[in-house]
Structures are given as structure tokens and as C-alpha cells.
Amino acid sequence: MYDRDNKNTYWIRTDENMFTSLRFSKPEPFKHDSCQTTWQAYYTYNDKCFIDGLKNCIKKVYRKGWKAKLFGKYYYQFQRWPTAYDDMIGMSRDHLIFIFAALYVDKTPPEELNEYVSHLRPVVSTTFGMHMTPELWLWLKLICGKKIGIFYYPWRLISSTIGMLWTKLMYKLANWPKDELTWEEYYPRRDERLNKSLKDKIFSALIEPVYSKNLTSTKVSLLPDNWWTKSIKKMELKTTTKYNYILRMLNGDKSVKKEDIESYHSIMFYWFTDSFEPWRTVRWMEEIPESKGYYLTNVKHINQIDRDYALKLYDELIGN
């Protein structure tokens, strides 16, 4: 249940129209990864205020002197929060994707999308390191309606196929169990995430992280249903774990049960799209304390975005 003005739950809408959590100290909201939860909140609750918040994360920067003559008069700099805050680090590719996902679902005109895309710098961050990749550039051109974007489909299908084969090989060499642990099974063994064997550390580092699979699944799920997208989803689903309901649904798995999603409750520092496998991931997981709204979030389900987002996907992709 969405309550846009309730600030007593773990998940809240801020005055800047961003949707985020109270991960650390209340009442200060967590800002670092808020573009993702704001995108999910817009998709789930259809509140246009979140589009306003995300658009305010896009800054038009004018160049001066020789830079303006060589590179153009201006560019668009995406940032993690509408206003600068202490220790704000540069933008990342994943949160840039979530902003474009929201704009695309909001039916932003292709001309406006292309205005942003055509004036992005090769380094999407304010610091060196977060470069525009060919795959990201092709996806952005595709949602802008540009013909060259069609090459995103074969690029992604080849990448997903190679990734699937590589992941299966790593699982076999690492001798990891195929079945994922539930939260109840995982919690007593939680120290394993901090005390992995050298073998598990090495093989964990060689496998694509789950958040990367979420980015792929999100991007592909927004595209038209065709042979390419169906094939990509099929490849991604082969290495999607059992209890990762969101990735299963995004990748076309119709066997997800609504009652499994409804039984879920929020945990601090947890993304629904993360894996439950302690031999692969290092996650900070603990129960939401009462002081940060455990009762309203998990019992009354107010602003429980991780659960609500999964239920919205279920209604859109399976229930209808």
C-alpha cells in the first residue's frame, strides 16, 4: 500500500520526490542508490512526482572556451540525487539506466530522450572510470527510436549466451549446489559470507554479479516482445536463481506464485533482486528495527517497495 506522505516507514518519499530508505540513521534518507528505488516506485505506484524527482537529477552543463568549440556548447550530467550532498560520488551506469527506464515508461517523446542521449559524455560520471559502453549506447539509441539501436539485440543475445555458458561452467568447477537457500536457511549460515574459502572467493569474483543481471533484465523487459527479446530472456533465465522472483518474472518465467511474493518481508540493506546464495554474494542483511518502521513496513505493508514492485510485475506479466 502506497502512502506518499508517511515518513514513519522504512521506505519513504522525500521532499525532493525521490523514493528511498532509512538504511543508516533516521530521519536522514539514504541517497546513494535512490535512482533505482525511485524508478521502481514510479513503475509500481504510478506517481508522476517521481518522474519530476528523477528529471531533477539531470543537469545541463554549459562548456566554455575551446571545450565548447570542440565538444559542443553543453552536455547533460546525470547525478544520484537532485541536489548535491556531502560525499556524493559520481553517477554510475546502472542508475543512469534506471532514470532512462522511468522516462521511457513515462512515454517521454523520443526526441527528448535523444536530446539527452546525444549530449552525454563518454564518461557518464563526474569522475573517471564510468564509461559509456557500446551495449549501453545501443540500448539508449534503441529506446530513442534510432535505427542503429537495432544492433543492441544481437549484441545482448551473444553476451547473454556467453554469460550463461560461463556461469554454468563456474558453478560446475566450484562444485556449488544448484538450489538456492531461502532466508530461513541462509541466516544461520550468514557468517559464511564473511569467511569464504579461497576457492569460493575466486569463483565468486569470476561470475557476473546479480545486480548486473538485473540491469540486463530491466532493459530487455522494456523492449517490444519479439524473437530477440524472447531469446535473450531464455538465456538469462537459465542462470536466474529460484527465489529471485523479480528476475524470474522479468525473464518470462510464468511459474512464479503470488503467495510466495506476498509472504516476503523487507530486510535492511536488501534488494529483492539480490541472490540468496551465501557462497556467491556478500550482503549486509539484518531485520528492520522498530525505530525504522518495521511494523508499518512489514505488517501493514506501507510503502514496501521491494514487495510492491514484485507484485506489480506479477500483475503486469503473469496475472493478466
C-alpha atoms as a PDB file:
ATOM      1  CA  MET A   1       0.000   0.000   0.000  1.00  0.00           C
ATOM      2  CA  TYR A   2       1.392   3.386  -1.032  1.00  0.00           C
ATOM      3  CA  ASP A   3       1.338   6.285   1.412  1.00  0.00           C
ATOM      4  CA  ARG A   4       3.236   9.133  -0.255  1.00  0.00           C
ATOM      5  CA  ASP A   5       3.442  11.311   2.880  1.00  0.00           C
ATOM      6  CA  ASN A   6       4.161   8.704   5.553  1.00  0.00           C
ATOM      7  CA  LYS A   7       7.691   9.165   6.918  1.00  0.00           C
ATOM      8  CA  ASN A   8       7.425   6.500   9.632  1.00  0.00           C
ATOM      9  CA  THR A   9       8.072   3.521   7.364  1.00  0.00           C
ATOM     10  CA  TYR A  10      11.426   2.126   6.290  1.00  0.00           C
ATOM     11  CA  TRP A  11      10.746   3.216   2.685  1.00  0.00           C
ATOM     12  CA  ILE A  12       9.778   6.868   2.213  1.00  0.00           C
ATOM     13  CA  ARG A  13       9.111   9.545  -0.419  1.00  0.00           C
ATOM     14  CA  THR A  14      11.350  12.507   0.286  1.00  0.00           C
ATOM     15  CA  ASP A  15      10.603  16.201  -0.208  1.00  0.00           C
ATOM     16  CA  GLU A  16      12.751  16.005  -3.369  1.00  0.00           C
ATOM     17  CA  ASN A  17      10.311  13.424  -4.789  1.00  0.00           C
ATOM     18  CA  MET A  18      12.817  10.606  -4.520  1.00  0.00           C
ATOM     19  CA  PHE A  19      11.845   7.237  -3.042  1.00  0.00           C
ATOM     20  CA  THR A  20      14.441   5.767  -0.728  1.00  0.00           C
ATOM     21  CA  SER A  21      15.065   4.032   2.596  1.00  0.00           C
ATOM     22  CA  LEU A  22      16.304   4.769   6.105  1.00  0.00           C
ATOM     23  CA  ARG A  23      19.283   2.466   5.799  1.00  0.00           C
ATOM     24  CA  PHE A  24      21.525   4.124   8.322  1.00  0.00           C
ATOM     25  CA  SER A  25      20.324   6.917  10.606  1.00  0.00           C
ATOM     26  CA  LYS A  26      16.753   8.102  10.903  1.00  0.00           C
ATOM     27  CA  PRO A  27      15.435  10.525   9.742  1.00  0.00           C
ATOM     28  CA  GLU A  28      18.230  11.079   7.218  1.00  0.00           C
ATOM     29  CA  PRO A  29      17.269   9.222   3.989  1.00  0.00           C
ATOM     30  CA  PHE A  30      19.710   7.031   2.089  1.00  0.00           C
ATOM     31  CA  LYS A  31      20.617   8.793  -1.167  1.00  0.00           C
ATOM     32  CA  HIS A  32      23.351   6.775  -2.824  1.00  0.00           C
ATOM     33  CA  ASP A  33      21.183   4.261  -4.735  1.00  0.00           C
ATOM     34  CA  SER A  34      17.892   6.144  -4.725  1.00  0.00           C
ATOM     35  CA  CYS A  35      17.524   6.347  -8.514  1.00  0.00           C
ATOM     36  CA  GLN A  36      16.795   2.615  -8.577  1.00  0.00           C
ATOM     37  CA  THR A  37      14.127   2.691  -5.881  1.00  0.00           C
ATOM     38  CA  THR A  38      12.624   5.860  -7.354  1.00  0.00           C
ATOM     39  CA  TRP A  39      12.310   4.135 -10.732  1.00  0.00           C
ATOM     40  CA  GLN A  40      10.682   1.149  -9.047  1.00  0.00           C
ATOM     41  CA  ALA A  41       8.329   3.439  -7.118  1.00  0.00           C
ATOM     42  CA  TYR A  42       7.230   5.212 -10.297  1.00  0.00           C
ATOM     43  CA  TYR A  43       6.616   1.915 -12.089  1.00  0.00           C
ATOM     44  CA  THR A  44       4.783   0.473  -9.084  1.00  0.00           C
ATOM     45  CA  TYR A  45       2.734   3.406  -7.797  1.00  0.00           C
ATOM     46  CA  ASN A  46       2.417   5.485 -10.993  1.00  0.00           C
ATOM     47  CA  ASP A  47       3.008   8.732  -9.105  1.00  0.00           C
ATOM     48  CA  LYS A  48       4.292  11.363 -11.538  1.00  0.00           C
ATOM     49  CA  CYS A  49       6.166  13.127  -8.772  1.00  0.00           C
ATOM     50  CA  PHE A  50       8.916  10.516  -9.111  1.00  0.00           C
ATOM     51  CA  ILE A  51       9.465  11.492 -12.729  1.00  0.00           C
ATOM     52  CA  ASP A  52       9.956  15.063 -11.515  1.00  0.00           C
ATOM     53  CA  GLY A  53      12.470  13.857  -8.953  1.00  0.00           C
ATOM     54  CA  LEU A  54      14.459  11.843 -11.483  1.00  0.00           C
ATOM     55  CA  LYS A  55      14.415  14.638 -14.060  1.00  0.00           C
ATOM     56  CA  ASN A  56      15.894  16.909 -11.416  1.00  0.00           C
ATOM     57  CA  CYS A  57      18.845  14.502 -11.316  1.00  0.00           C
ATOM     58  CA  ILE A  58      19.679  15.558 -14.891  1.00  0.00           C
ATOM     59  CA  LYS A  59      21.782  18.709 -15.044  1.00  0.00           C
ATOM     60  CA  LYS A  60      22.520  20.715 -18.174  1.00  0.00           C
ATOM     61  CA  VAL A  61      26.142  21.852 -18.060  1.00  0.00           C
ATOM     62  CA  TYR A  62      27.457  24.538 -20.388  1.00  0.00           C
ATOM     63  CA  ARG A  63      31.009  24.351 -21.673  1.00  0.00           C
ATOM     64  CA  LYS A  64      33.297  27.322 -22.060  1.00  0.00           C
ATOM     65  CA  GLY A  65      36.168  28.320 -24.289  1.00  0.00           C
ATOM     66  CA  TRP A  66      37.855  25.769 -26.501  1.00  0.00           C
ATOM     67  CA  LYS A  67      35.852  22.891 -24.991  1.00  0.00           C
ATOM     68  CA  ALA A  68      32.627  24.442 -26.252  1.00  0.00           C
ATOM     69  CA  LYS A  69      34.071  24.813 -29.731  1.00  0.00           C
ATOM     70  CA  LEU A  70      35.446  21.285 -29.810  1.00  0.00           C
ATOM     71  CA  PHE A  71      32.766  19.265 -27.981  1.00  0.00           C
ATOM     72  CA  GLY A  72      29.635  21.403 -28.211  1.00  0.00           C
ATOM     73  CA  LYS A  73      28.050  24.125 -26.113  1.00  0.00           C
ATOM     74  CA  TYR A  74      26.623  21.825 -23.451  1.00  0.00           C
ATOM     75  CA  TYR A  75      26.187  18.286 -22.153  1.00  0.00           C
ATOM     76  CA  TYR A  76      23.882  16.527 -19.688  1.00  0.00           C
ATOM     77  CA  GLN A  77      25.318  15.310 -16.410  1.00  0.00           C
ATOM     78  CA  PHE A  78      23.232  12.746 -14.525  1.00  0.00           C
ATOM     79  CA  GLN A  79      23.678  12.565 -10.750  1.00  0.00           C
ATOM     80  CA  ARG A  80      22.405  10.379  -7.913  1.00  0.00           C
ATOM     81  CA  TRP A  81      20.233  12.978  -6.172  1.00  0.00           C
ATOM     82  CA  PRO A  82      18.505  16.203  -7.323  1.00  0.00           C
ATOM     83  CA  THR A  83      20.744  18.353  -5.120  1.00  0.00           C
ATOM     84  CA  ALA A  84      24.381  17.837  -4.185  1.00  0.00           C
ATOM     85  CA  TYR A  85      25.106  16.360  -0.750  1.00  0.00           C
ATOM     86  CA  ASP A  86      28.214  15.651   1.287  1.00  0.00           C
ATOM     87  CA  ASP A  87      30.283  12.759  -0.051  1.00  0.00           C
ATOM     88  CA  MET A  88      28.132  12.408  -3.187  1.00  0.00           C
ATOM     89  CA  ILE A  89      30.098  10.265  -5.610  1.00  0.00           C
ATOM     90  CA  GLY A  90      29.862  10.248  -9.373  1.00  0.00           C
ATOM     91  CA  MET A  91      26.999   8.739 -11.331  1.00  0.00           C
ATOM     92  CA  SER A  92      27.098   5.094 -12.331  1.00  0.00           C
ATOM     93  CA  ARG A  93      25.819   3.393 -15.454  1.00  0.00           C
ATOM     94  CA  ASP A  94      23.188   1.405 -13.574  1.00  0.00           C
ATOM     95  CA  HIS A  95      21.425   4.438 -12.117  1.00  0.00           C
ATOM     96  CA  LEU A  96      21.596   6.249 -15.428  1.00  0.00           C
ATOM     97  CA  ILE A  97      19.754   3.218 -16.861  1.00  0.00           C
ATOM     98  CA  PHE A  98      17.072   3.420 -14.158  1.00  0.00           C
ATOM     99  CA  ILE A  99      16.437   7.093 -14.930  1.00  0.00           C
ATOM    100  CA  PHE A 100      16.042   6.349 -18.639  1.00  0.00           C
ATOM    101  CA  ALA A 101      13.806   3.373 -17.809  1.00  0.00           C
ATOM    102  CA  ALA A 102      11.458   5.686 -15.918  1.00  0.00           C
ATOM    103  CA  LEU A 103      11.442   8.280 -18.700  1.00  0.00           C
ATOM    104  CA  TYR A 104      10.779   5.595 -21.304  1.00  0.00           C
ATOM    105  CA  VAL A 105       7.886   4.049 -19.368  1.00  0.00           C
ATOM    106  CA  ASP A 106       6.507   7.557 -18.850  1.00  0.00           C
ATOM    107  CA  LYS A 107       6.310   7.801 -22.665  1.00  0.00           C
ATOM    108  CA  THR A 108       8.785  10.640 -22.883  1.00  0.00           C
ATOM    109  CA  PRO A 109       8.940  11.682 -26.582  1.00  0.00           C
ATOM    110  CA  PRO A 110      11.817  10.019 -28.463  1.00  0.00           C
ATOM    111  CA  GLU A 111      13.072  13.479 -29.431  1.00  0.00           C
ATOM    112  CA  GLU A 112      13.522  14.397 -25.772  1.00  0.00           C
ATOM    113  CA  LEU A 113      15.208  11.098 -24.974  1.00  0.00           C
ATOM    114  CA  ASN A 114      17.580  11.565 -27.891  1.00  0.00           C
ATOM    115  CA  GLU A 115      18.361  15.099 -26.728  1.00  0.00           C
ATOM    116  CA  TYR A 116      19.732  13.642 -23.511  1.00  0.00           C
ATOM    117  CA  VAL A 117      21.458  10.672 -25.172  1.00  0.00           C
ATOM    118  CA  SER A 118      23.136  12.700 -27.920  1.00  0.00           C
ATOM    119  CA  HIS A 119      24.590  15.073 -25.331  1.00  0.00           C
ATOM    120  CA  LEU A 120      26.030  12.519 -22.925  1.00  0.00           C
ATOM    121  CA  ARG A 121      29.765  12.418 -22.417  1.00  0.00           C
ATOM    122  CA  PRO A 122      31.736   9.195 -22.975  1.00  0.00           C
ATOM    123  CA  VAL A 123      32.319   9.187 -19.210  1.00  0.00           C
ATOM    124  CA  VAL A 124      28.841   9.254 -17.674  1.00  0.00           C
ATOM    125  CA  SER A 125      30.187  10.008 -14.196  1.00  0.00           C
ATOM    126  CA  THR A 126      31.781  13.137 -12.789  1.00  0.00           C
ATOM    127  CA  THR A 127      34.839  11.038 -12.073  1.00  0.00           C
ATOM    128  CA  PHE A 128      36.959   8.969 -14.427  1.00  0.00           C
ATOM    129  CA  GLY A 129      36.018   5.308 -14.721  1.00  0.00           C
ATOM    130  CA  MET A 130      32.311   5.011 -15.507  1.00  0.00           C
ATOM    131  CA  HIS A 131      32.448   4.916 -19.286  1.00  0.00           C
ATOM    132  CA  MET A 132      29.615   4.586 -21.742  1.00  0.00           C
ATOM    133  CA  THR A 133      29.772   1.028 -23.052  1.00  0.00           C
ATOM    134  CA  PRO A 134      28.817   0.088 -26.630  1.00  0.00           C
ATOM    135  CA  GLU A 135      25.944  -2.029 -25.317  1.00  0.00           C
ATOM    136  CA  LEU A 136      24.526   0.790 -23.187  1.00  0.00           C
ATOM    137  CA  TRP A 137      24.863   3.248 -26.077  1.00  0.00           C
ATOM    138  CA  LEU A 138      22.996   0.880 -28.414  1.00  0.00           C
ATOM    139  CA  TRP A 139      20.175   0.360 -25.871  1.00  0.00           C
ATOM    140  CA  LEU A 140      19.809   4.102 -25.398  1.00  0.00           C
ATOM    141  CA  LYS A 141      19.664   4.628 -29.160  1.00  0.00           C
ATOM    142  CA  LEU A 142      17.097   1.829 -29.431  1.00  0.00           C
ATOM    143  CA  ILE A 143      14.682   3.404 -26.930  1.00  0.00           C
ATOM    144  CA  CYS A 144      15.200   6.726 -28.736  1.00  0.00           C
ATOM    145  CA  GLY A 145      13.911   5.144 -31.933  1.00  0.00           C
ATOM    146  CA  LYS A 146      17.214   5.368 -33.807  1.00  0.00           C
ATOM    147  CA  LYS A 147      17.851   2.686 -36.405  1.00  0.00           C
ATOM    148  CA  ILE A 148      21.355   1.883 -35.201  1.00  0.00           C
ATOM    149  CA  GLY A 149      19.855   0.750 -31.897  1.00  0.00           C
ATOM    150  CA  ILE A 150      18.647  -2.442 -33.598  1.00  0.00           C
ATOM    151  CA  PHE A 151      22.172  -3.817 -33.143  1.00  0.00           C
ATOM    152  CA  TYR A 152      21.528  -3.975 -29.402  1.00  0.00           C
ATOM    153  CA  TYR A 153      19.567  -7.186 -29.931  1.00  0.00           C
ATOM    154  CA  PRO A 154      22.343  -9.391 -31.377  1.00  0.00           C
ATOM    155  CA  TRP A 155      24.926  -7.800 -29.069  1.00  0.00           C
ATOM    156  CA  ARG A 156      22.873  -8.648 -25.990  1.00  0.00           C
ATOM    157  CA  LEU A 157      21.917 -12.141 -27.162  1.00  0.00           C
ATOM    158  CA  ILE A 158      25.550 -13.079 -27.787  1.00  0.00           C
ATOM    159  CA  SER A 159      26.572 -11.621 -24.414  1.00  0.00           C
ATOM    160  CA  SER A 160      23.773 -13.444 -22.560  1.00  0.00           C
ATOM    161  CA  THR A 161      24.617 -16.745 -24.240  1.00  0.00           C
ATOM    162  CA  ILE A 162      28.310 -16.474 -23.394  1.00  0.00           C
ATOM    163  CA  GLY A 163      27.453 -15.381 -19.849  1.00  0.00           C
ATOM    164  CA  MET A 164      25.113 -18.324 -19.354  1.00  0.00           C
ATOM    165  CA  LEU A 165      27.707 -20.850 -20.515  1.00  0.00           C
ATOM    166  CA  TRP A 166      30.428 -19.247 -18.409  1.00  0.00           C
ATOM    167  CA  THR A 167      28.275 -19.175 -15.257  1.00  0.00           C
ATOM    168  CA  LYS A 168      27.309 -22.830 -15.616  1.00  0.00           C
ATOM    169  CA  LEU A 169      30.965 -23.733 -16.077  1.00  0.00           C
ATOM    170  CA  MET A 170      31.977 -21.807 -12.949  1.00  0.00           C
ATOM    171  CA  TYR A 171      29.257 -23.497 -10.898  1.00  0.00           C
ATOM    172  CA  LYS A 172      30.482 -26.884 -12.060  1.00  0.00           C
ATOM    173  CA  LEU A 173      34.143 -26.151 -11.340  1.00  0.00           C
ATOM    174  CA  ALA A 174      33.313 -24.609  -7.949  1.00  0.00           C
ATOM    175  CA  ASN A 175      31.064 -27.552  -7.088  1.00  0.00           C
ATOM    176  CA  TRP A 176      28.351 -25.227  -5.767  1.00  0.00           C
ATOM    177  CA  PRO A 177      24.840 -26.526  -5.037  1.00  0.00           C
ATOM    178  CA  LYS A 178      22.262 -25.809  -7.693  1.00  0.00           C
ATOM    179  CA  ASP A 179      19.463 -24.988  -5.253  1.00  0.00           C
ATOM    180  CA  GLU A 180      19.351 -21.549  -3.716  1.00  0.00           C
ATOM    181  CA  LEU A 181      18.898 -21.084   0.033  1.00  0.00           C
ATOM    182  CA  THR A 182      15.842 -19.419   1.494  1.00  0.00           C
ATOM    183  CA  TRP A 183      16.295 -16.608   4.007  1.00  0.00           C
ATOM    184  CA  GLU A 184      15.477 -19.025   6.838  1.00  0.00           C
ATOM    185  CA  GLU A 185      18.126 -21.450   5.598  1.00  0.00           C
ATOM    186  CA  TYR A 186      20.645 -18.724   4.911  1.00  0.00           C
ATOM    187  CA  TYR A 187      20.505 -16.751   8.161  1.00  0.00           C
ATOM    188  CA  PRO A 188      22.079 -19.405  10.442  1.00  0.00           C
ATOM    189  CA  ARG A 189      24.927 -19.654   7.919  1.00  0.00           C
ATOM    190  CA  ARG A 190      25.336 -15.904   7.399  1.00  0.00           C
ATOM    191  CA  ASP A 191      28.936 -15.862   8.645  1.00  0.00           C
ATOM    192  CA  GLU A 192      29.909 -17.866   5.565  1.00  0.00           C
ATOM    193  CA  ARG A 193      29.603 -14.688   3.515  1.00  0.00           C
ATOM    194  CA  LEU A 194      32.425 -13.172   5.576  1.00  0.00           C
ATOM    195  CA  ASN A 195      34.540 -16.300   5.813  1.00  0.00           C
ATOM    196  CA  LYS A 196      34.522 -17.747   2.339  1.00  0.00           C
ATOM    197  CA  SER A 197      37.121 -20.205   1.280  1.00  0.00           C
ATOM    198  CA  LEU A 198      39.744 -19.022  -1.182  1.00  0.00           C
ATOM    199  CA  LYS A 199      38.078 -21.179  -3.826  1.00  0.00           C
ATOM    200  CA  ASP A 200      34.687 -19.542  -3.297  1.00  0.00           C
ATOM    201  CA  LYS A 201      36.190 -16.062  -3.316  1.00  0.00           C
ATOM    202  CA  ILE A 202      37.896 -16.713  -6.645  1.00  0.00           C
ATOM    203  CA  PHE A 203      34.883 -18.257  -8.373  1.00  0.00           C
ATOM    204  CA  SER A 204      32.513 -15.631  -6.934  1.00  0.00           C
ATOM    205  CA  ALA A 205      34.663 -12.905  -8.470  1.00  0.00           C
ATOM    206  CA  LEU A 206      34.568 -14.618 -11.870  1.00  0.00           C
ATOM    207  CA  ILE A 207      30.766 -14.630 -12.169  1.00  0.00           C
ATOM    208  CA  GLU A 208      28.595 -11.745 -13.297  1.00  0.00           C
ATOM    209  CA  PRO A 209      27.104 -10.033 -10.214  1.00  0.00           C
ATOM    210  CA  VAL A 210      23.361 -10.268  -9.707  1.00  0.00           C
ATOM    211  CA  TYR A 211      22.851  -6.504  -9.963  1.00  0.00           C
ATOM    212  CA  SER A 212      24.277  -6.685 -13.487  1.00  0.00           C
ATOM    213  CA  LYS A 213      21.748  -9.369 -14.411  1.00  0.00           C
ATOM    214  CA  ASN A 214      19.043  -7.092 -13.028  1.00  0.00           C
ATOM    215  CA  LEU A 215      20.174  -4.291 -15.335  1.00  0.00           C
ATOM    216  CA  THR A 216      20.017  -6.576 -18.360  1.00  0.00           C
ATOM    217  CA  SER A 217      16.605  -7.936 -17.375  1.00  0.00           C
ATOM    218  CA  THR A 218      15.219  -4.455 -16.769  1.00  0.00           C
ATOM    219  CA  LYS A 219      16.458  -3.109 -20.097  1.00  0.00           C
ATOM    220  CA  VAL A 220      15.198  -6.078 -22.108  1.00  0.00           C
ATOM    221  CA  SER A 221      11.809  -6.192 -20.356  1.00  0.00           C
ATOM    222  CA  LEU A 222      11.020  -2.682 -21.587  1.00  0.00           C
ATOM    223  CA  LEU A 223      11.584  -3.575 -25.240  1.00  0.00           C
ATOM    224  CA  PRO A 224       8.976  -4.939 -27.670  1.00  0.00           C
ATOM    225  CA  ASP A 225       8.157  -8.614 -27.381  1.00  0.00           C
ATOM    226  CA  ASN A 226       9.920 -10.267 -30.321  1.00  0.00           C
ATOM    227  CA  TRP A 227      12.195 -13.189 -31.160  1.00  0.00           C
ATOM    228  CA  TRP A 228      15.262 -11.325 -29.929  1.00  0.00           C
ATOM    229  CA  THR A 229      13.877 -10.396 -26.524  1.00  0.00           C
ATOM    230  CA  LYS A 230      12.392 -13.862 -26.011  1.00  0.00           C
ATOM    231  CA  SER A 231      15.748 -15.465 -26.830  1.00  0.00           C
ATOM    232  CA  ILE A 232      17.657 -13.134 -24.516  1.00  0.00           C
ATOM    233  CA  LYS A 233      15.232 -13.801 -21.656  1.00  0.00           C
ATOM    234  CA  LYS A 234      15.572 -17.540 -22.218  1.00  0.00           C
ATOM    235  CA  MET A 235      19.343 -17.325 -21.861  1.00  0.00           C
ATOM    236  CA  GLU A 236      19.142 -15.106 -18.762  1.00  0.00           C
ATOM    237  CA  LEU A 237      16.583 -17.358 -17.105  1.00  0.00           C
ATOM    238  CA  LYS A 238      18.933 -20.351 -17.288  1.00  0.00           C
ATOM    239  CA  THR A 239      21.157 -18.747 -14.619  1.00  0.00           C
ATOM    240  CA  THR A 240      18.474 -16.963 -12.575  1.00  0.00           C
ATOM    241  CA  THR A 241      18.140 -18.399  -9.082  1.00  0.00           C
ATOM    242  CA  LYS A 242      14.966 -19.920  -7.650  1.00  0.00           C
ATOM    243  CA  TYR A 243      13.946 -17.289  -5.089  1.00  0.00           C
ATOM    244  CA  ASN A 244      14.818 -14.275  -7.208  1.00  0.00           C
ATOM    245  CA  TYR A 245      11.195 -13.695  -8.169  1.00  0.00           C
ATOM    246  CA  ILE A 246      11.753 -10.353  -9.872  1.00  0.00           C
ATOM    247  CA  LEU A 247      14.404 -11.603 -12.284  1.00  0.00           C
ATOM    248  CA  ARG A 248      12.380 -14.708 -12.992  1.00  0.00           C
ATOM    249  CA  MET A 249       9.338 -12.634 -13.937  1.00  0.00           C
ATOM    250  CA  LEU A 250      11.342 -10.109 -15.953  1.00  0.00           C
ATOM    251  CA  ASN A 251      12.800 -13.033 -17.889  1.00  0.00           C
ATOM    252  CA  GLY A 252       9.449 -14.551 -18.748  1.00  0.00           C
ATOM    253  CA  ASP A 253       9.008 -17.213 -16.047  1.00  0.00           C
ATOM    254  CA  LYS A 254       5.236 -17.633 -15.606  1.00  0.00           C
ATOM    255  CA  SER A 255       5.551 -20.137 -12.756  1.00  0.00           C
ATOM    256  CA  VAL A 256       6.150 -17.549 -10.011  1.00  0.00           C
ATOM    257  CA  LYS A 257       3.380 -17.770  -7.394  1.00  0.00           C
ATOM    258  CA  LYS A 258       1.727 -14.674  -5.965  1.00  0.00           C
ATOM    259  CA  GLU A 259       1.538 -16.132  -2.475  1.00  0.00           C
ATOM    260  CA  ASP A 260       5.334 -16.537  -2.415  1.00  0.00           C
ATOM    261  CA  ILE A 261       5.757 -12.835  -3.121  1.00  0.00           C
ATOM    262  CA  GLU A 262       3.081 -11.841  -0.616  1.00  0.00           C
ATOM    263  CA  SER A 263       4.830 -13.774   2.154  1.00  0.00           C
ATOM    264  CA  TYR A 264       8.001 -11.733   1.711  1.00  0.00           C
ATOM    265  CA  HIS A 265       9.026  -9.031   4.194  1.00  0.00           C
ATOM    266  CA  SER A 266      11.669  -6.312   3.919  1.00  0.00           C
ATOM    267  CA  ILE A 267      15.135  -6.713   5.396  1.00  0.00           C
ATOM    268  CA  MET A 268      17.610  -3.880   5.876  1.00  0.00           C
ATOM    269  CA  PHE A 269      20.267  -3.478   3.174  1.00  0.00           C
ATOM    270  CA  TYR A 270      18.494  -5.982   0.927  1.00  0.00           C
ATOM    271  CA  TRP A 271      17.418  -5.707  -2.698  1.00  0.00           C
ATOM    272  CA  PHE A 272      14.776  -8.124  -3.913  1.00  0.00           C
ATOM    273  CA  THR A 273      16.922  -8.689  -6.996  1.00  0.00           C
ATOM    274  CA  ASP A 274      19.916  -9.874  -4.962  1.00  0.00           C
ATOM    275  CA  SER A 275      20.807 -13.531  -4.731  1.00  0.00           C
ATOM    276  CA  PHE A 276      20.270 -15.628  -1.601  1.00  0.00           C
ATOM    277  CA  GLU A 277      23.420 -17.653  -2.269  1.00  0.00           C
ATOM    278  CA  PRO A 278      25.911 -17.106   0.573  1.00  0.00           C
ATOM    279  CA  TRP A 279      28.750 -18.681  -1.397  1.00  0.00           C
ATOM    280  CA  ARG A 280      28.449 -16.019  -4.103  1.00  0.00           C
ATOM    281  CA  THR A 281      27.377 -12.721  -2.562  1.00  0.00           C
ATOM    282  CA  VAL A 282      28.422 -10.515   0.297  1.00  0.00           C
ATOM    283  CA  ARG A 283      25.252  -8.877   1.603  1.00  0.00           C
ATOM    284  CA  TRP A 284      24.531  -6.757   4.645  1.00  0.00           C
ATOM    285  CA  MET A 285      21.345  -8.271   5.981  1.00  0.00           C
ATOM    286  CA  GLU A 286      19.515  -7.684   9.236  1.00  0.00           C
ATOM    287  CA  GLU A 287      15.966  -7.124  10.351  1.00  0.00           C
ATOM    288  CA  ILE A 288      14.488  -3.640  10.137  1.00  0.00           C
ATOM    289  CA  PRO A 289      14.365  -2.304  13.729  1.00  0.00           C
ATOM    290  CA  GLU A 290      11.113  -0.989  15.161  1.00  0.00           C
ATOM    291  CA  SER A 291      12.587   2.529  15.214  1.00  0.00           C
ATOM    292  CA  LYS A 292      12.814   2.451  11.417  1.00  0.00           C
ATOM    293  CA  GLY A 293       9.266   1.311  10.845  1.00  0.00           C
ATOM    294  CA  TYR A 294       9.317  -2.481  10.931  1.00  0.00           C
ATOM    295  CA  TYR A 295       5.637  -2.746  11.893  1.00  0.00           C
ATOM    296  CA  LEU A 296       4.278  -0.368   9.261  1.00  0.00           C
ATOM    297  CA  THR A 297       6.593  -1.710   6.567  1.00  0.00           C
ATOM    298  CA  ASN A 298       6.325  -5.435   7.143  1.00  0.00           C
ATOM    299  CA  VAL A 299       2.996  -5.899   8.870  1.00  0.00           C
ATOM    300  CA  LYS A 300       0.831  -3.211   7.321  1.00  0.00           C
ATOM    301  CA  HIS A 301       2.898  -3.243   4.104  1.00  0.00           C
ATOM    302  CA  ILE A 302       3.009   0.552   3.801  1.00  0.00           C
ATOM    303  CA  ASN A 303       5.499   1.734   1.154  1.00  0.00           C
ATOM    304  CA  GLN A 304       7.061  -1.740   0.997  1.00  0.00           C
ATOM    305  CA  ILE A 305       8.536  -1.091  -2.423  1.00  0.00           C
ATOM    306  CA  ASP A 306      10.559  -4.305  -2.781  1.00  0.00           C
ATOM    307  CA  ARG A 307       7.426  -6.404  -2.255  1.00  0.00           C
ATOM    308  CA  ASP A 308       5.086  -3.993  -4.070  1.00  0.00           C
ATOM    309  CA  TYR A 309       7.357  -3.823  -7.122  1.00  0.00           C
ATOM    310  CA  ALA A 310       7.373  -7.618  -7.369  1.00  0.00           C
ATOM    311  CA  LEU A 311       3.572  -7.728  -7.035  1.00  0.00           C
ATOM    312  CA  LYS A 312       3.198  -5.091  -9.749  1.00  0.00           C
ATOM    313  CA  LEU A 313       5.392  -7.152 -12.056  1.00  0.00           C
ATOM    314  CA  TYR A 314       3.269 -10.173 -11.249  1.00  0.00           C
ATOM    315  CA  ASP A 315       0.066  -8.329 -12.152  1.00  0.00           C
ATOM    316  CA  GLU A 316       1.596  -6.977 -15.373  1.00  0.00           C
ATOM    317  CA  LEU A 317       3.464 -10.067 -16.560  1.00  0.00           C
ATOM    318  CA  ILE A 318       1.621 -13.055 -15.093  1.00  0.00           C
ATOM    319  CA  GLY A 319      -1.712 -12.143 -13.510  1.00  0.00           C
ATOM    320  CA  ASN A 320      -3.265 -10.556 -16.604  1.00  0.00           C
END
